[in-house]
Amino acid sequence: MTISQTVFSPQIKYLLAVRPDHLSLTLLREVYPSVFSALSDPADDVAGVAAAALLPAVDALLDAPEKSLGVGLTALIDKLWEALRDLVSLHLF
């Protein structure tokens, strides 16, 4: 079982944060689908942890070839803005 076949886990956040300077495209390909799908979770705290998990990987995500992770950066940015709009509409932000 690969990481991407598992349900999103907050431990992914720590996996990405340990050595952000050594993030490989292979590792990102493994964890990105789980993180991206967790951004759509109806529980705000799950989506928040998923978004926070991506912070140490920003440089690696920007350097990754478009669509090499399965979902492009445009879709990720759209998903993050959608989550932010939801929080604002709930008056949580």
PDB file of N, CA and C in Angstrom:
ATOM      1  N   MET A   1       0.843  -1.177   0.000  1.00  0.00           N
ATOM      2  CA  MET A   1       0.000   0.000   0.000  1.00  0.00           C
ATOM      3  C   MET A   1       0.888   1.239   0.000  1.00  0.00           C
ATOM      4  N   THR A   2       0.641   2.124  -0.919  1.00  0.00           N
ATOM      5  CA  THR A   2       1.406   3.363  -0.964  1.00  0.00           C
ATOM      6  C   THR A   2       0.728   4.423  -0.115  1.00  0.00           C
ATOM      7  N   ILE A   3       1.435   5.496   0.127  1.00  0.00           N
ATOM      8  CA  ILE A   3       0.889   6.586   0.939  1.00  0.00           C
ATOM      9  C   ILE A   3      -0.370   7.142   0.300  1.00  0.00           C
ATOM     10  N   SER A   4      -0.386   7.292  -1.017  1.00  0.00           N
ATOM     11  CA  SER A   4      -1.526   7.914  -1.687  1.00  0.00           C
ATOM     12  C   SER A   4      -2.773   7.039  -1.641  1.00  0.00           C
ATOM     13  N   GLN A   5      -2.628   5.753  -1.343  1.00  0.00           N
ATOM     14  CA  GLN A   5      -3.777   4.877  -1.245  1.00  0.00           C
ATOM     15  C   GLN A   5      -4.402   4.932   0.146  1.00  0.00           C
ATOM     16  N   THR A   6      -3.784   5.610   1.052  1.00  0.00           N
ATOM     17  CA  THR A   6      -4.315   5.717   2.395  1.00  0.00           C
ATOM     18  C   THR A   6      -5.159   6.968   2.521  1.00  0.00           C
ATOM     19  N   VAL A   7      -5.956   7.001   3.554  1.00  0.00           N
ATOM     20  CA  VAL A   7      -6.735   8.186   3.858  1.00  0.00           C
ATOM     21  C   VAL A   7      -5.764   9.250   4.352  1.00  0.00           C
ATOM     22  N   PHE A   8      -6.088  10.517   4.116  1.00  0.00           N
ATOM     23  CA  PHE A   8      -5.212  11.593   4.568  1.00  0.00           C
ATOM     24  C   PHE A   8      -4.979  11.475   6.062  1.00  0.00           C
ATOM     25  N   SER A   9      -3.762  11.642   6.440  1.00  0.00           N
ATOM     26  CA  SER A   9      -3.382  11.569   7.847  1.00  0.00           C
ATOM     27  C   SER A   9      -2.573  12.813   8.196  1.00  0.00           C
ATOM     28  N   PRO A  10      -2.802  13.369   9.393  1.00  0.00           N
ATOM     29  CA  PRO A  10      -2.007  14.539   9.792  1.00  0.00           C
ATOM     30  C   PRO A  10      -0.502  14.257   9.807  1.00  0.00           C
ATOM     31  N   GLN A  11      -0.113  12.994   9.877  1.00  0.00           N
ATOM     32  CA  GLN A  11       1.309  12.668   9.863  1.00  0.00           C
ATOM     33  C   GLN A  11       1.970  13.059   8.546  1.00  0.00           C
ATOM     34  N   ILE A  12       1.187  13.170   7.483  1.00  0.00           N
ATOM     35  CA  ILE A  12       1.740  13.623   6.202  1.00  0.00           C
ATOM     36  C   ILE A  12       2.330  15.020   6.366  1.00  0.00           C
ATOM     37  N   LYS A  13       1.685  15.842   7.171  1.00  0.00           N
ATOM     38  CA  LYS A  13       2.187  17.195   7.430  1.00  0.00           C
ATOM     39  C   LYS A  13       3.612  17.135   7.974  1.00  0.00           C
ATOM     40  N   TYR A  14       3.857  16.233   8.894  1.00  0.00           N
ATOM     41  CA  TYR A  14       5.188  16.123   9.497  1.00  0.00           C
ATOM     42  C   TYR A  14       6.182  15.475   8.538  1.00  0.00           C
ATOM     43  N   LEU A  15       5.699  14.556   7.722  1.00  0.00           N
ATOM     44  CA  LEU A  15       6.560  13.938   6.714  1.00  0.00           C
ATOM     45  C   LEU A  15       7.108  14.993   5.760  1.00  0.00           C
ATOM     46  N   LEU A  16       6.264  15.922   5.347  1.00  0.00           N
ATOM     47  CA  LEU A  16       6.698  16.980   4.432  1.00  0.00           C
ATOM     48  C   LEU A  16       7.540  18.049   5.127  1.00  0.00           C
ATOM     49  N   ALA A  17       7.310  18.234   6.421  1.00  0.00           N
ATOM     50  CA  ALA A  17       7.987  19.309   7.142  1.00  0.00           C
ATOM     51  C   ALA A  17       9.387  18.939   7.614  1.00  0.00           C
ATOM     52  N   VAL A  18       9.688  17.652   7.740  1.00  0.00           N
ATOM     53  CA  VAL A  18      10.966  17.236   8.315  1.00  0.00           C
ATOM     54  C   VAL A  18      12.145  17.776   7.524  1.00  0.00           C
ATOM     55  N   ARG A  19      12.145  17.593   6.249  1.00  0.00           N
ATOM     56  CA  ARG A  19      13.246  18.065   5.401  1.00  0.00           C
ATOM     57  C   ARG A  19      12.696  18.679   4.124  1.00  0.00           C
ATOM     58  N   PRO A  20      12.103  19.867   4.213  1.00  0.00           N
ATOM     59  CA  PRO A  20      11.517  20.454   3.005  1.00  0.00           C
ATOM     60  C   PRO A  20      12.538  20.693   1.893  1.00  0.00           C
ATOM     61  N   ASP A  21      13.807  20.830   2.253  1.00  0.00           N
ATOM     62  CA  ASP A  21      14.831  21.035   1.235  1.00  0.00           C
ATOM     63  C   ASP A  21      15.155  19.753   0.466  1.00  0.00           C
ATOM     64  N   HIS A  22      14.669  18.626   0.952  1.00  0.00           N
ATOM     65  CA  HIS A  22      14.923  17.344   0.283  1.00  0.00           C
ATOM     66  C   HIS A  22      13.644  16.697  -0.242  1.00  0.00           C
ATOM     67  N   LEU A  23      12.599  17.490  -0.426  1.00  0.00           N
ATOM     68  CA  LEU A  23      11.370  16.936  -0.975  1.00  0.00           C
ATOM     69  C   LEU A  23      11.608  16.519  -2.412  1.00  0.00           C
ATOM     70  N   SER A  24      11.207  15.327  -2.716  1.00  0.00           N
ATOM     71  CA  SER A  24      11.371  14.841  -4.084  1.00  0.00           C
ATOM     72  C   SER A  24      10.022  14.824  -4.781  1.00  0.00           C
ATOM     73  N   LEU A  25      10.053  14.861  -6.087  1.00  0.00           N
ATOM     74  CA  LEU A  25       8.837  14.773  -6.868  1.00  0.00           C
ATOM     75  C   LEU A  25       8.140  13.436  -6.611  1.00  0.00           C
ATOM     76  N   THR A  26       8.928  12.397  -6.376  1.00  0.00           N
ATOM     77  CA  THR A  26       8.356  11.079  -6.086  1.00  0.00           C
ATOM     78  C   THR A  26       7.534  11.110  -4.804  1.00  0.00           C
ATOM     79  N   LEU A  27       8.065  11.724  -3.750  1.00  0.00           N
ATOM     80  CA  LEU A  27       7.329  11.834  -2.492  1.00  0.00           C
ATOM     81  C   LEU A  27       6.074  12.675  -2.678  1.00  0.00           C
ATOM     82  N   LEU A  28       6.195  13.785  -3.368  1.00  0.00           N
ATOM     83  CA  LEU A  28       5.026  14.631  -3.603  1.00  0.00           C
ATOM     84  C   LEU A  28       3.949  13.889  -4.384  1.00  0.00           C
ATOM     85  N   ARG A  29       4.346  13.095  -5.360  1.00  0.00           N
ATOM     86  CA  ARG A  29       3.364  12.313  -6.131  1.00  0.00           C
ATOM     87  C   ARG A  29       2.622  11.327  -5.234  1.00  0.00           C
ATOM     88  N   GLU A  30       3.288  10.826  -4.219  1.00  0.00           N
ATOM     89  CA  GLU A  30       2.660   9.872  -3.302  1.00  0.00           C
ATOM     90  C   GLU A  30       1.657  10.530  -2.366  1.00  0.00           C
ATOM     91  N   VAL A  31       1.993  11.684  -1.835  1.00  0.00           N
ATOM     92  CA  VAL A  31       1.143  12.300  -0.811  1.00  0.00           C
ATOM     93  C   VAL A  31       0.137  13.300  -1.372  1.00  0.00           C
ATOM     94  N   TYR A  32       0.411  13.878  -2.517  1.00  0.00           N
ATOM     95  CA  TYR A  32      -0.420  14.955  -3.050  1.00  0.00           C
ATOM     96  C   TYR A  32      -1.885  14.559  -3.251  1.00  0.00           C
ATOM     97  N   PRO A  33      -2.198  13.393  -3.817  1.00  0.00           N
ATOM     98  CA  PRO A  33      -3.622  13.053  -3.999  1.00  0.00           C
ATOM     99  C   PRO A  33      -4.402  13.019  -2.682  1.00  0.00           C
ATOM    100  N   SER A  34      -3.799  12.483  -1.640  1.00  0.00           N
ATOM    101  CA  SER A  34      -4.474  12.433  -0.340  1.00  0.00           C
ATOM    102  C   SER A  34      -4.672  13.831   0.229  1.00  0.00           C
ATOM    103  N   VAL A  35      -3.645  14.663   0.117  1.00  0.00           N
ATOM    104  CA  VAL A  35      -3.741  16.027   0.638  1.00  0.00           C
ATOM    105  C   VAL A  35      -4.780  16.811  -0.159  1.00  0.00           C
ATOM    106  N   PHE A  36      -4.746  16.700  -1.479  1.00  0.00           N
ATOM    107  CA  PHE A  36      -5.682  17.443  -2.320  1.00  0.00           C
ATOM    108  C   PHE A  36      -7.119  17.039  -2.018  1.00  0.00           C
ATOM    109  N   SER A  37      -7.384  15.748  -1.861  1.00  0.00           N
ATOM    110  CA  SER A  37      -8.755  15.321  -1.568  1.00  0.00           C
ATOM    111  C   SER A  37      -9.179  15.749  -0.168  1.00  0.00           C
ATOM    112  N   ALA A  38      -8.247  15.805   0.773  1.00  0.00           N
ATOM    113  CA  ALA A  38      -8.579  16.247   2.133  1.00  0.00           C
ATOM    114  C   ALA A  38      -8.964  17.721   2.169  1.00  0.00           C
ATOM    115  N   LEU A  39      -8.523  18.492   1.196  1.00  0.00           N
ATOM    116  CA  LEU A  39      -8.911  19.905   1.143  1.00  0.00           C
ATOM    117  C   LEU A  39     -10.415  20.064   0.928  1.00  0.00           C
ATOM    118  N   SER A  40     -11.073  19.028   0.416  1.00  0.00           N
ATOM    119  CA  SER A  40     -12.521  19.061   0.188  1.00  0.00           C
ATOM    120  C   SER A  40     -13.312  18.456   1.339  1.00  0.00           C
ATOM    121  N   ASP A  41     -12.634  18.030   2.372  1.00  0.00           N
ATOM    122  CA  ASP A  41     -13.320  17.407   3.502  1.00  0.00           C
ATOM    123  C   ASP A  41     -14.296  18.401   4.132  1.00  0.00           C
ATOM    124  N   PRO A  42     -15.499  17.942   4.471  1.00  0.00           N
ATOM    125  CA  PRO A  42     -16.468  18.852   5.086  1.00  0.00           C
ATOM    126  C   PRO A  42     -16.054  19.353   6.469  1.00  0.00           C
ATOM    127  N   ALA A  43     -15.153  18.646   7.112  1.00  0.00           N
ATOM    128  CA  ALA A  43     -14.662  19.094   8.418  1.00  0.00           C
ATOM    129  C   ALA A  43     -13.570  20.133   8.200  1.00  0.00           C
ATOM    130  N   ASP A  44     -13.796  21.335   8.698  1.00  0.00           N
ATOM    131  CA  ASP A  44     -12.839  22.428   8.504  1.00  0.00           C
ATOM    132  C   ASP A  44     -11.459  22.113   9.044  1.00  0.00           C
ATOM    133  N   ASP A  45     -11.398  21.359  10.148  1.00  0.00           N
ATOM    134  CA  ASP A  45     -10.089  21.078  10.730  1.00  0.00           C
ATOM    135  C   ASP A  45      -9.279  20.137   9.852  1.00  0.00           C
ATOM    136  N   VAL A  46      -9.927  19.194   9.177  1.00  0.00           N
ATOM    137  CA  VAL A  46      -9.207  18.292   8.265  1.00  0.00           C
ATOM    138  C   VAL A  46      -8.667  19.077   7.076  1.00  0.00           C
ATOM    139  N   ALA A  47      -9.507  19.923   6.501  1.00  0.00           N
ATOM    140  CA  ALA A  47      -9.070  20.749   5.365  1.00  0.00           C
ATOM    141  C   ALA A  47      -7.948  21.694   5.788  1.00  0.00           C
ATOM    142  N   GLY A  48      -8.032  22.216   7.003  1.00  0.00           N
ATOM    143  CA  GLY A  48      -6.994  23.117   7.502  1.00  0.00           C
ATOM    144  C   GLY A  48      -5.657  22.430   7.675  1.00  0.00           C
ATOM    145  N   VAL A  49      -5.673  21.211   8.206  1.00  0.00           N
ATOM    146  CA  VAL A  49      -4.425  20.456   8.364  1.00  0.00           C
ATOM    147  C   VAL A  49      -3.852  20.099   6.995  1.00  0.00           C
ATOM    148  N   ALA A  50      -4.721  19.770   6.055  1.00  0.00           N
ATOM    149  CA  ALA A  50      -4.250  19.457   4.699  1.00  0.00           C
ATOM    150  C   ALA A  50      -3.577  20.669   4.064  1.00  0.00           C
ATOM    151  N   ALA A  51      -4.189  21.835   4.217  1.00  0.00           N
ATOM    152  CA  ALA A  51      -3.596  23.064   3.668  1.00  0.00           C
ATOM    153  C   ALA A  51      -2.259  23.357   4.352  1.00  0.00           C
ATOM    154  N   ALA A  52      -2.215  23.196   5.662  1.00  0.00           N
ATOM    155  CA  ALA A  52      -0.972  23.441   6.401  1.00  0.00           C
ATOM    156  C   ALA A  52       0.116  22.445   6.005  1.00  0.00           C
ATOM    157  N   ALA A  53      -0.283  21.235   5.650  1.00  0.00           N
ATOM    158  CA  ALA A  53       0.699  20.220   5.239  1.00  0.00           C
ATOM    159  C   ALA A  53       1.440  20.643   3.982  1.00  0.00           C
ATOM    160  N   LEU A  54       0.790  21.436   3.151  1.00  0.00           N
ATOM    161  CA  LEU A  54       1.417  21.868   1.896  1.00  0.00           C
ATOM    162  C   LEU A  54       2.417  23.002   2.080  1.00  0.00           C
ATOM    163  N   LEU A  55       2.352  23.707   3.189  1.00  0.00           N
ATOM    164  CA  LEU A  55       3.235  24.866   3.378  1.00  0.00           C
ATOM    165  C   LEU A  55       4.718  24.547   3.206  1.00  0.00           C
ATOM    166  N   PRO A  56       5.256  23.476   3.823  1.00  0.00           N
ATOM    167  CA  PRO A  56       6.679  23.211   3.625  1.00  0.00           C
ATOM    168  C   PRO A  56       7.029  22.782   2.196  1.00  0.00           C
ATOM    169  N   ALA A  57       6.010  22.430   1.422  1.00  0.00           N
ATOM    170  CA  ALA A  57       6.252  21.917   0.074  1.00  0.00           C
ATOM    171  C   ALA A  57       5.992  22.945  -1.013  1.00  0.00           C
ATOM    172  N   VAL A  58       5.768  24.187  -0.653  1.00  0.00           N
ATOM    173  CA  VAL A  58       5.413  25.203  -1.647  1.00  0.00           C
ATOM    174  C   VAL A  58       6.464  25.314  -2.744  1.00  0.00           C
ATOM    175  N   ASP A  59       7.719  25.417  -2.378  1.00  0.00           N
ATOM    176  CA  ASP A  59       8.770  25.553  -3.402  1.00  0.00           C
ATOM    177  C   ASP A  59       8.808  24.335  -4.318  1.00  0.00           C
ATOM    178  N   ALA A  60       8.700  23.153  -3.728  1.00  0.00           N
ATOM    179  CA  ALA A  60       8.719  21.926  -4.545  1.00  0.00           C
ATOM    180  C   ALA A  60       7.495  21.858  -5.448  1.00  0.00           C
ATOM    181  N   LEU A  61       6.345  22.303  -4.950  1.00  0.00           N
ATOM    182  CA  LEU A  61       5.137  22.309  -5.777  1.00  0.00           C
ATOM    183  C   LEU A  61       5.277  23.268  -6.950  1.00  0.00           C
ATOM    184  N   LEU A  62       5.861  24.423  -6.690  1.00  0.00           N
ATOM    185  CA  LEU A  62       6.043  25.401  -7.763  1.00  0.00           C
ATOM    186  C   LEU A  62       7.054  24.937  -8.797  1.00  0.00           C
ATOM    187  N   ASP A  63       8.025  24.136  -8.368  1.00  0.00           N
ATOM    188  CA  ASP A  63       9.043  23.628  -9.287  1.00  0.00           C
ATOM    189  C   ASP A  63       8.581  22.392 -10.055  1.00  0.00           C
ATOM    190  N   ALA A  64       7.522  21.745  -9.580  1.00  0.00           N
ATOM    191  CA  ALA A  64       7.045  20.514 -10.227  1.00  0.00           C
ATOM    192  C   ALA A  64       6.443  20.844 -11.584  1.00  0.00           C
ATOM    193  N   PRO A  65       6.729  20.011 -12.577  1.00  0.00           N
ATOM    194  CA  PRO A  65       6.127  20.238 -13.900  1.00  0.00           C
ATOM    195  C   PRO A  65       4.600  20.177 -13.804  1.00  0.00           C
ATOM    196  N   GLU A  66       3.927  21.028 -14.559  1.00  0.00           N
ATOM    197  CA  GLU A  66       2.463  21.076 -14.551  1.00  0.00           C
ATOM    198  C   GLU A  66       1.882  19.692 -14.819  1.00  0.00           C
ATOM    199  N   LYS A  67       0.906  19.311 -14.049  1.00  0.00           N
ATOM    200  CA  LYS A  67       0.193  18.028 -14.134  1.00  0.00           C
ATOM    201  C   LYS A  67       1.038  16.828 -13.713  1.00  0.00           C
ATOM    202  N   SER A  68       2.272  17.020 -13.262  1.00  0.00           N
ATOM    203  CA  SER A  68       3.083  15.878 -12.846  1.00  0.00           C
ATOM    204  C   SER A  68       2.568  15.264 -11.550  1.00  0.00           C
ATOM    205  N   LEU A  69       1.747  16.011 -10.821  1.00  0.00           N
ATOM    206  CA  LEU A  69       1.189  15.507  -9.570  1.00  0.00           C
ATOM    207  C   LEU A  69      -0.234  15.000  -9.751  1.00  0.00           C
ATOM    208  N   GLY A  70      -0.713  14.994 -10.981  1.00  0.00           N
ATOM    209  CA  GLY A  70      -2.065  14.531 -11.246  1.00  0.00           C
ATOM    210  C   GLY A  70      -3.068  15.672 -11.317  1.00  0.00           C
ATOM    211  N   VAL A  71      -2.900  16.644 -10.469  1.00  0.00           N
ATOM    212  CA  VAL A  71      -3.758  17.830 -10.458  1.00  0.00           C
ATOM    213  C   VAL A  71      -2.837  19.040 -10.499  1.00  0.00           C
ATOM    214  N   GLY A  72      -3.106  19.940 -11.405  1.00  0.00           N
ATOM    215  CA  GLY A  72      -2.237  21.092 -11.569  1.00  0.00           C
ATOM    216  C   GLY A  72      -2.368  22.111 -10.457  1.00  0.00           C
ATOM    217  N   LEU A  73      -1.452  23.057 -10.434  1.00  0.00           N
ATOM    218  CA  LEU A  73      -1.453  24.096  -9.409  1.00  0.00           C
ATOM    219  C   LEU A  73      -2.686  24.989  -9.490  1.00  0.00           C
ATOM    220  N   THR A  74      -3.213  25.184 -10.691  1.00  0.00           N
ATOM    221  CA  THR A  74      -4.412  26.007 -10.828  1.00  0.00           C
ATOM    222  C   THR A  74      -5.568  25.391 -10.051  1.00  0.00           C
ATOM    223  N   ALA A  75      -5.730  24.083 -10.147  1.00  0.00           N
ATOM    224  CA  ALA A  75      -6.793  23.397  -9.402  1.00  0.00           C
ATOM    225  C   ALA A  75      -6.556  23.501  -7.897  1.00  0.00           C
ATOM    226  N   LEU A  76      -5.296  23.407  -7.481  1.00  0.00           N
ATOM    227  CA  LEU A  76      -4.972  23.538  -6.058  1.00  0.00           C
ATOM    228  C   LEU A  76      -5.299  24.943  -5.558  1.00  0.00           C
ATOM    229  N   ILE A  77      -4.908  25.949  -6.315  1.00  0.00           N
ATOM    230  CA  ILE A  77      -5.184  27.330  -5.919  1.00  0.00           C
ATOM    231  C   ILE A  77      -6.691  27.577  -5.859  1.00  0.00           C
ATOM    232  N   ASP A  78      -7.422  27.064  -6.842  1.00  0.00           N
ATOM    233  CA  ASP A  78      -8.880  27.207  -6.838  1.00  0.00           C
ATOM    234  C   ASP A  78      -9.486  26.552  -5.595  1.00  0.00           C
ATOM    235  N   LYS A  79      -8.992  25.370  -5.249  1.00  0.00           N
ATOM    236  CA  LYS A  79      -9.495  24.644  -4.084  1.00  0.00           C
ATOM    237  C   LYS A  79      -9.212  25.416  -2.797  1.00  0.00           C
ATOM    238  N   LEU A  80      -8.034  26.005  -2.682  1.00  0.00           N
ATOM    239  CA  LEU A  80      -7.692  26.787  -1.488  1.00  0.00           C
ATOM    240  C   LEU A  80      -8.554  28.043  -1.379  1.00  0.00           C
ATOM    241  N   TRP A  81      -8.792  28.726  -2.498  1.00  0.00           N
ATOM    242  CA  TRP A  81      -9.657  29.911  -2.471  1.00  0.00           C
ATOM    243  C   TRP A  81     -11.082  29.528  -2.103  1.00  0.00           C
ATOM    244  N   GLU A  82     -11.541  28.402  -2.619  1.00  0.00           N
ATOM    245  CA  GLU A  82     -12.891  27.929  -2.285  1.00  0.00           C
ATOM    246  C   GLU A  82     -13.014  27.674  -0.777  1.00  0.00           C
ATOM    247  N   ALA A  83     -12.012  27.052  -0.203  1.00  0.00           N
ATOM    248  CA  ALA A  83     -12.025  26.787   1.242  1.00  0.00           C
ATOM    249  C   ALA A  83     -12.017  28.091   2.030  1.00  0.00           C
ATOM    250  N   LEU A  84     -11.243  29.059   1.569  1.00  0.00           N
ATOM    251  CA  LEU A  84     -11.199  30.351   2.253  1.00  0.00           C
ATOM    252  C   LEU A  84     -12.548  31.062   2.156  1.00  0.00           C
ATOM    253  N   ARG A  85     -13.183  31.017   0.983  1.00  0.00           N
ATOM    254  CA  ARG A  85     -14.513  31.621   0.835  1.00  0.00           C
ATOM    255  C   ARG A  85     -15.520  30.961   1.777  1.00  0.00           C
ATOM    256  N   ASP A  86     -15.434  29.642   1.921  1.00  0.00           N
ATOM    257  CA  ASP A  86     -16.335  28.933   2.833  1.00  0.00           C
ATOM    258  C   ASP A  86     -16.138  29.401   4.270  1.00  0.00           C
ATOM    259  N   LEU A  87     -14.889  29.580   4.661  1.00  0.00           N
ATOM    260  CA  LEU A  87     -14.620  30.044   6.027  1.00  0.00           C
ATOM    261  C   LEU A  87     -15.144  31.452   6.242  1.00  0.00           C
ATOM    262  N   VAL A  88     -14.964  32.304   5.253  1.00  0.00           N
ATOM    263  CA  VAL A  88     -15.443  33.682   5.367  1.00  0.00           C
ATOM    264  C   VAL A  88     -16.975  33.695   5.430  1.00  0.00           C
ATOM    265  N   SER A  89     -17.623  32.866   4.623  1.00  0.00           N
ATOM    266  CA  SER A  89     -19.096  32.843   4.630  1.00  0.00           C
ATOM    267  C   SER A  89     -19.641  32.309   5.946  1.00  0.00           C
ATOM    268  N   LEU A  90     -18.857  31.513   6.643  1.00  0.00           N
ATOM    269  CA  LEU A  90     -19.265  31.001   7.963  1.00  0.00           C
ATOM    270  C   LEU A  90     -18.858  31.935   9.092  1.00  0.00           C
ATOM    271  N   HIS A  91     -18.219  33.044   8.731  1.00  0.00           N
ATOM    272  CA  HIS A  91     -17.725  34.021   9.699  1.00  0.00           C
ATOM    273  C   HIS A  91     -16.700  33.416  10.646  1.00  0.00           C
ATOM    274  N   LEU A  92     -15.917  32.497  10.117  1.00  0.00           N
ATOM    275  CA  LEU A  92     -14.857  31.886  10.924  1.00  0.00           C
ATOM    276  C   LEU A  92     -13.520  32.568  10.692  1.00  0.00           C
ATOM    277  N   PHE A  93     -13.502  33.498   9.775  1.00  0.00           N
ATOM    278  CA  PHE A  93     -12.252  34.164   9.440  1.00  0.00           C
ATOM    279  C   PHE A  93     -12.499  35.625   9.278  1.00  0.00           C
TER     280      PHE A  93
END
